[in-house]
Amino acid sequence: MRRHPILQMFAIGVVAAAVITALALAIDWFPPAASTAADKIDTLYDVVILCSIPIFVLVMTIAIYSVVKFRARPGHEGDGAPLHGNTQLELLWVAIPFVIVSALAAYALVVLSDIEAKEPDALPVAVTAQQFTWTFGYPQAGGATSTELVLPRGRQAVLRIRTRDVIHSFWVPAMRMKQDAVPGLTTEVRITPTREGTYPLVCAELCGAGHATMRQTVRVVAPERFQAWLRRLGGGATASRGATPGAASAVETASASGRS
């Protein structure tokens, strides 16, 4: 091995790539999955790690080896040995990244098409961003609004997102979905929740001095509880009595909006 430094270099690179890739895959980068898109996106992320880390480690191994092996010795002030290009090698190191990137792009396109597939019974929700809060409107409740996003488990929701001021970014980490809110445009994202619970909703775009406070929640409930909550939301302030946990504040917000 010592007589073959290039072989030694590649052996070190392979071992380092295997160790670093295993560590990267062992780390739990994301919160528990809470939507149908989450597992697909997590798998895509793992595939990208498997492709990118070995290439990065190999390139850095060659670069470090070249810097150490071919560095200028003390007192040497002459030019290095003349080098000539290798056309076949240049074609190879262009073709291989092209194939890898094209394959990853095709795979990502398939995943994107899958998670954005439209379902006929999708629940429409109007999402409005404004420094520094989110508001959610439900057409089924007569357009009543809530400061908490409540969604039924197992049913696709189509969120139509707009902003009243600057650019914001709608992001629910547990559902792996992110979409910008752009002034003058209505963007769209589709989410199908799979687990009941309460999940953080944050703005992922620096939108002003209060950006860090632009945090609310997404609450996923059983379909029958969602229908009951929706009826209470559309019923105004009187419906807040006996509302399901977490719904009262939303109803009060909606009734306050109506009075204003």
Protein backbone atom coordinates (compact mmCIF):
# COMPACT_ATOMS: atom_id res chain seq x y z
CA MET A 1 0.00 0.00 0.00
CA ARG A 2 2.84 2.37 0.83
CA ARG A 3 4.33 1.80 -2.61
CA HIS A 4 1.08 2.87 -4.22
CA PRO A 5 0.11 6.31 -2.80
CA ILE A 6 -2.82 6.72 -5.20
CA LEU A 7 -4.28 3.40 -4.04
CA GLN A 8 -3.72 4.50 -0.44
CA MET A 9 -5.47 7.79 -1.16
CA PHE A 10 -8.55 6.04 -2.56
CA ALA A 11 -8.62 3.54 0.31
CA ILE A 12 -8.62 6.37 2.85
CA GLY A 13 -11.34 8.14 0.87
CA VAL A 14 -13.56 5.05 0.72
CA VAL A 15 -13.26 4.37 4.45
CA ALA A 16 -13.87 8.03 5.35
CA ALA A 17 -16.87 8.21 3.00
CA ALA A 18 -18.40 5.05 4.49
CA VAL A 19 -17.97 6.28 8.07
CA ILE A 20 -19.30 9.80 7.43
CA THR A 21 -22.24 8.52 5.36
CA ALA A 22 -23.21 6.03 8.09
CA LEU A 23 -23.08 8.79 10.71
CA ALA A 24 -25.17 11.12 8.54
CA LEU A 25 -27.83 8.46 7.98
CA ALA A 26 -27.89 7.54 11.68
CA ILE A 27 -28.71 11.10 12.74
CA ASP A 28 -32.44 11.81 13.13
CA TRP A 29 -32.54 15.11 11.25
CA PHE A 30 -36.30 15.65 11.24
CA PRO A 31 -39.18 15.63 13.73
CA PRO A 32 -41.66 12.71 13.67
CA ALA A 33 -43.43 12.43 10.32
CA ALA A 34 -46.99 13.77 10.33
CA SER A 35 -48.05 13.75 6.66
CA THR A 36 -48.09 11.43 3.67
CA ALA A 37 -45.31 13.47 2.06
CA ALA A 38 -42.91 13.18 4.99
CA ASP A 39 -41.64 9.64 4.40
CA LYS A 40 -41.14 10.28 0.67
CA ILE A 41 -39.18 13.47 1.36
CA ASP A 42 -37.10 11.78 4.07
CA THR A 43 -36.21 8.97 1.68
CA LEU A 44 -35.22 11.51 -0.99
CA TYR A 45 -33.02 13.25 1.58
CA ASP A 46 -31.30 9.95 2.44
CA VAL A 47 -30.67 9.23 -1.25
CA VAL A 48 -29.08 12.66 -1.69
CA ILE A 49 -26.84 11.98 1.33
CA LEU A 50 -25.79 8.62 -0.11
CA CYS A 51 -24.82 10.30 -3.38
CA SER A 52 -23.29 13.55 -2.17
CA ILE A 53 -21.15 12.59 0.85
CA PRO A 54 -18.98 9.95 -0.91
CA ILE A 55 -18.37 12.33 -3.83
CA PHE A 56 -17.50 15.20 -1.48
CA VAL A 57 -15.12 13.03 0.57
CA LEU A 58 -13.44 11.65 -2.56
CA VAL A 59 -12.92 15.12 -4.04
CA MET A 60 -11.54 16.46 -0.76
CA THR A 61 -9.23 13.42 -0.40
CA ILE A 62 -7.78 14.05 -3.86
CA ALA A 63 -7.45 17.78 -3.17
CA ILE A 64 -5.69 17.27 0.18
CA TYR A 65 -3.43 14.57 -1.28
CA SER A 66 -2.46 16.84 -4.18
CA VAL A 67 -1.72 19.78 -1.89
CA VAL A 68 0.50 17.64 0.35
CA LYS A 69 2.17 15.51 -2.34
CA PHE A 70 2.86 18.22 -4.90
CA ARG A 71 3.51 21.21 -2.67
CA ALA A 72 6.51 23.41 -3.40
CA ARG A 73 9.53 22.41 -1.34
CA PRO A 74 11.42 25.01 0.71
CA GLY A 75 13.82 26.91 -1.50
CA HIS A 76 12.25 25.73 -4.75
CA GLU A 77 11.34 28.71 -6.93
CA GLY A 78 11.06 27.14 -10.37
CA ASP A 79 7.98 26.25 -12.35
CA GLY A 80 6.29 22.91 -11.99
CA ALA A 81 6.43 20.16 -14.57
CA PRO A 82 4.46 20.94 -17.75
CA LEU A 83 1.05 19.28 -17.84
CA HIS A 84 -1.20 18.46 -20.75
CA GLY A 85 -4.95 17.91 -20.66
CA ASN A 86 -6.46 14.44 -20.83
CA THR A 87 -9.56 14.65 -23.00
CA GLN A 88 -10.92 11.24 -21.99
CA LEU A 89 -10.53 12.01 -18.28
CA GLU A 90 -12.17 15.41 -18.69
CA LEU A 91 -15.12 13.86 -20.52
CA LEU A 92 -15.43 11.23 -17.80
CA TRP A 93 -15.51 13.66 -14.89
CA VAL A 94 -18.12 15.76 -16.68
CA ALA A 95 -20.28 12.81 -17.72
CA ILE A 96 -20.42 11.13 -14.30
CA PRO A 97 -21.73 14.21 -12.38
CA PHE A 98 -24.17 14.89 -15.23
CA VAL A 99 -25.64 11.40 -14.95
CA ILE A 100 -25.83 11.57 -11.13
CA VAL A 101 -27.46 15.02 -11.07
CA SER A 102 -29.90 14.06 -13.85
CA ALA A 103 -30.93 10.90 -12.00
CA LEU A 104 -31.45 12.81 -8.74
CA ALA A 105 -33.47 15.49 -10.56
CA ALA A 106 -35.69 12.84 -12.18
CA TYR A 107 -36.24 11.12 -8.83
CA ALA A 108 -37.05 14.44 -7.13
CA LEU A 109 -39.52 15.26 -9.91
CA VAL A 110 -41.30 11.94 -9.37
CA VAL A 111 -41.50 12.59 -5.62
CA LEU A 112 -42.78 16.14 -6.17
CA SER A 113 -45.43 14.94 -8.62
CA ASP A 114 -46.52 12.28 -6.15
CA ILE A 115 -46.85 14.54 -3.10
CA GLU A 116 -48.61 17.27 -5.10
CA ALA A 117 -51.18 14.94 -6.70
CA LYS A 118 -54.66 16.45 -6.41
CA GLU A 119 -57.46 14.65 -4.60
CA PRO A 120 -61.11 15.42 -5.45
CA ASP A 121 -62.25 15.96 -1.85
CA ALA A 122 -59.37 18.24 -0.84
CA LEU A 123 -60.21 20.69 1.96
CA PRO A 124 -59.64 24.31 0.88
CA VAL A 125 -58.08 26.64 3.45
CA ALA A 126 -57.18 30.30 2.87
CA VAL A 127 -53.88 31.13 4.56
CA THR A 128 -53.06 34.80 5.10
CA ALA A 129 -49.64 35.96 6.30
CA GLN A 130 -49.09 39.34 7.89
CA GLN A 131 -46.34 40.70 10.09
CA PHE A 132 -46.18 38.76 12.39
CA THR A 133 -49.05 36.29 12.40
CA TRP A 134 -50.97 33.73 10.34
CA THR A 135 -54.73 33.68 9.78
CA PHE A 136 -56.69 30.74 8.37
CA GLY A 137 -60.05 31.02 6.60
CA TYR A 138 -62.48 28.14 6.11
CA PRO A 139 -65.02 28.49 3.25
CA GLN A 140 -67.05 25.61 4.75
CA ALA A 141 -67.57 27.74 7.87
CA GLY A 142 -68.89 30.70 5.93
CA GLY A 143 -65.43 32.22 5.55
CA ALA A 144 -64.84 32.36 9.32
CA THR A 145 -61.20 32.71 10.32
CA SER A 146 -58.99 31.15 12.96
CA THR A 147 -55.53 31.87 14.33
CA GLU A 148 -54.95 28.12 14.62
CA LEU A 149 -54.74 25.84 11.60
CA VAL A 150 -56.95 22.82 12.29
CA LEU A 151 -56.94 19.93 9.81
CA PRO A 152 -58.68 16.54 9.68
CA ARG A 153 -56.52 13.44 9.77
CA GLY A 154 -56.39 11.49 6.51
CA ARG A 155 -57.88 14.17 4.26
CA GLN A 156 -55.87 16.30 1.86
CA ALA A 157 -55.94 20.03 2.54
CA VAL A 158 -55.12 22.54 -0.18
CA LEU A 159 -53.70 25.68 1.41
CA ARG A 160 -53.90 28.81 -0.71
CA ILE A 161 -51.35 31.20 0.70
CA ARG A 162 -51.15 34.98 0.31
CA THR A 163 -49.56 37.85 2.19
CA ARG A 164 -50.72 41.33 3.08
CA ASP A 165 -47.25 42.85 3.30
CA VAL A 166 -43.80 41.29 2.74
CA ILE A 167 -42.56 37.85 1.73
CA HIS A 168 -43.18 35.13 4.31
CA SER A 169 -42.67 31.37 4.19
CA PHE A 170 -45.22 28.85 5.47
CA TRP A 171 -43.38 25.90 7.03
CA VAL A 172 -44.57 22.94 9.10
CA PRO A 173 -41.41 20.86 9.79
CA ALA A 174 -43.33 17.75 10.90
CA MET A 175 -45.15 17.70 7.55
CA ARG A 176 -42.02 18.56 5.53
CA MET A 177 -43.90 21.15 3.48
CA LYS A 178 -42.80 24.72 2.88
CA GLN A 179 -44.22 27.39 0.59
CA ASP A 180 -43.51 31.10 0.20
CA ALA A 181 -46.17 33.78 0.57
CA VAL A 182 -45.35 36.35 -2.11
CA PRO A 183 -46.96 39.82 -2.38
CA GLY A 184 -49.40 39.95 -5.28
CA LEU A 185 -49.50 36.16 -5.74
CA THR A 186 -51.50 33.27 -4.32
CA THR A 187 -49.31 30.21 -3.87
CA GLU A 188 -50.54 26.73 -3.06
CA VAL A 189 -49.43 23.70 -1.08
CA ARG A 190 -51.18 20.38 -0.45
CA ILE A 191 -50.91 18.50 2.84
CA THR A 192 -52.46 15.20 3.92
CA PRO A 193 -52.00 14.80 7.71
CA THR A 194 -51.51 11.27 9.01
CA ARG A 195 -51.08 11.73 12.78
CA GLU A 196 -53.25 13.53 15.26
CA GLY A 197 -51.51 16.07 17.43
CA THR A 198 -50.26 19.64 17.57
CA TYR A 199 -47.31 20.73 15.44
CA PRO A 200 -45.32 23.96 15.20
CA LEU A 201 -45.92 26.31 12.28
CA VAL A 202 -43.19 28.88 11.66
CA CYS A 203 -42.26 31.52 9.13
CA ALA A 204 -39.04 30.44 7.42
CA GLU A 205 -38.35 33.76 5.66
CA LEU A 206 -36.81 36.74 7.45
CA CYS A 207 -39.76 39.13 7.38
CA GLY A 208 -38.91 41.88 9.85
CA ALA A 209 -38.00 42.61 13.45
CA GLY A 210 -40.69 40.27 14.79
CA HIS A 211 -39.87 37.34 12.50
CA ALA A 212 -38.92 35.05 15.39
CA THR A 213 -42.36 35.52 16.97
CA MET A 214 -44.28 34.47 13.85
CA ARG A 215 -45.06 31.04 15.27
CA GLN A 216 -48.41 29.31 15.51
CA THR A 217 -49.68 25.73 15.57
CA VAL A 218 -51.25 23.15 13.31
CA ARG A 219 -53.68 20.86 15.10
CA VAL A 220 -54.62 17.56 13.44
CA VAL A 221 -57.82 15.95 14.74
CA ALA A 222 -60.09 13.07 13.82
CA PRO A 223 -62.51 13.81 10.94
CA GLU A 224 -65.60 13.87 13.19
CA ARG A 225 -63.93 16.24 15.65
CA PHE A 226 -62.95 18.47 12.76
CA GLN A 227 -66.53 18.67 11.52
CA ALA A 228 -67.71 19.57 15.03
CA TRP A 229 -64.98 22.22 15.31
CA LEU A 230 -65.91 23.58 11.90
CA ARG A 231 -69.56 23.96 12.93
CA ARG A 232 -68.54 25.78 16.10
CA LEU A 233 -66.20 28.03 14.15
CA GLY A 234 -68.95 29.06 11.76
CA GLY A 235 -71.46 29.48 14.61
CA GLY A 236 -69.84 32.61 16.06
CA ALA A 237 -69.12 33.47 19.68
CA THR A 238 -72.01 31.48 21.15
CA ALA A 239 -70.60 28.29 19.71
CA SER A 240 -67.43 28.60 21.75
CA ARG A 241 -69.22 27.03 24.75
CA GLY A 242 -68.36 23.38 24.87
CA ALA A 243 -65.92 23.64 21.98
CA THR A 244 -63.26 21.02 21.65
CA PRO A 245 -59.94 21.83 23.35
CA GLY A 246 -58.09 24.50 21.43
CA ALA A 247 -61.09 25.55 19.36
CA ALA A 248 -62.45 28.22 21.68
CA SER A 249 -59.70 30.70 20.96
CA ALA A 250 -60.23 30.23 17.22
CA VAL A 251 -63.98 30.82 17.55
CA GLU A 252 -63.45 33.92 19.63
CA THR A 253 -61.05 35.23 17.02
CA ALA A 254 -63.55 34.57 14.27
CA SER A 255 -66.40 36.30 16.11
CA ALA A 256 -64.19 39.24 16.93
CA SER A 257 -63.36 39.56 13.24
CA GLY A 258 -67.05 39.56 12.42
CA ARG A 259 -67.80 42.31 14.94
CA SER A 260 -65.00 44.46 13.57
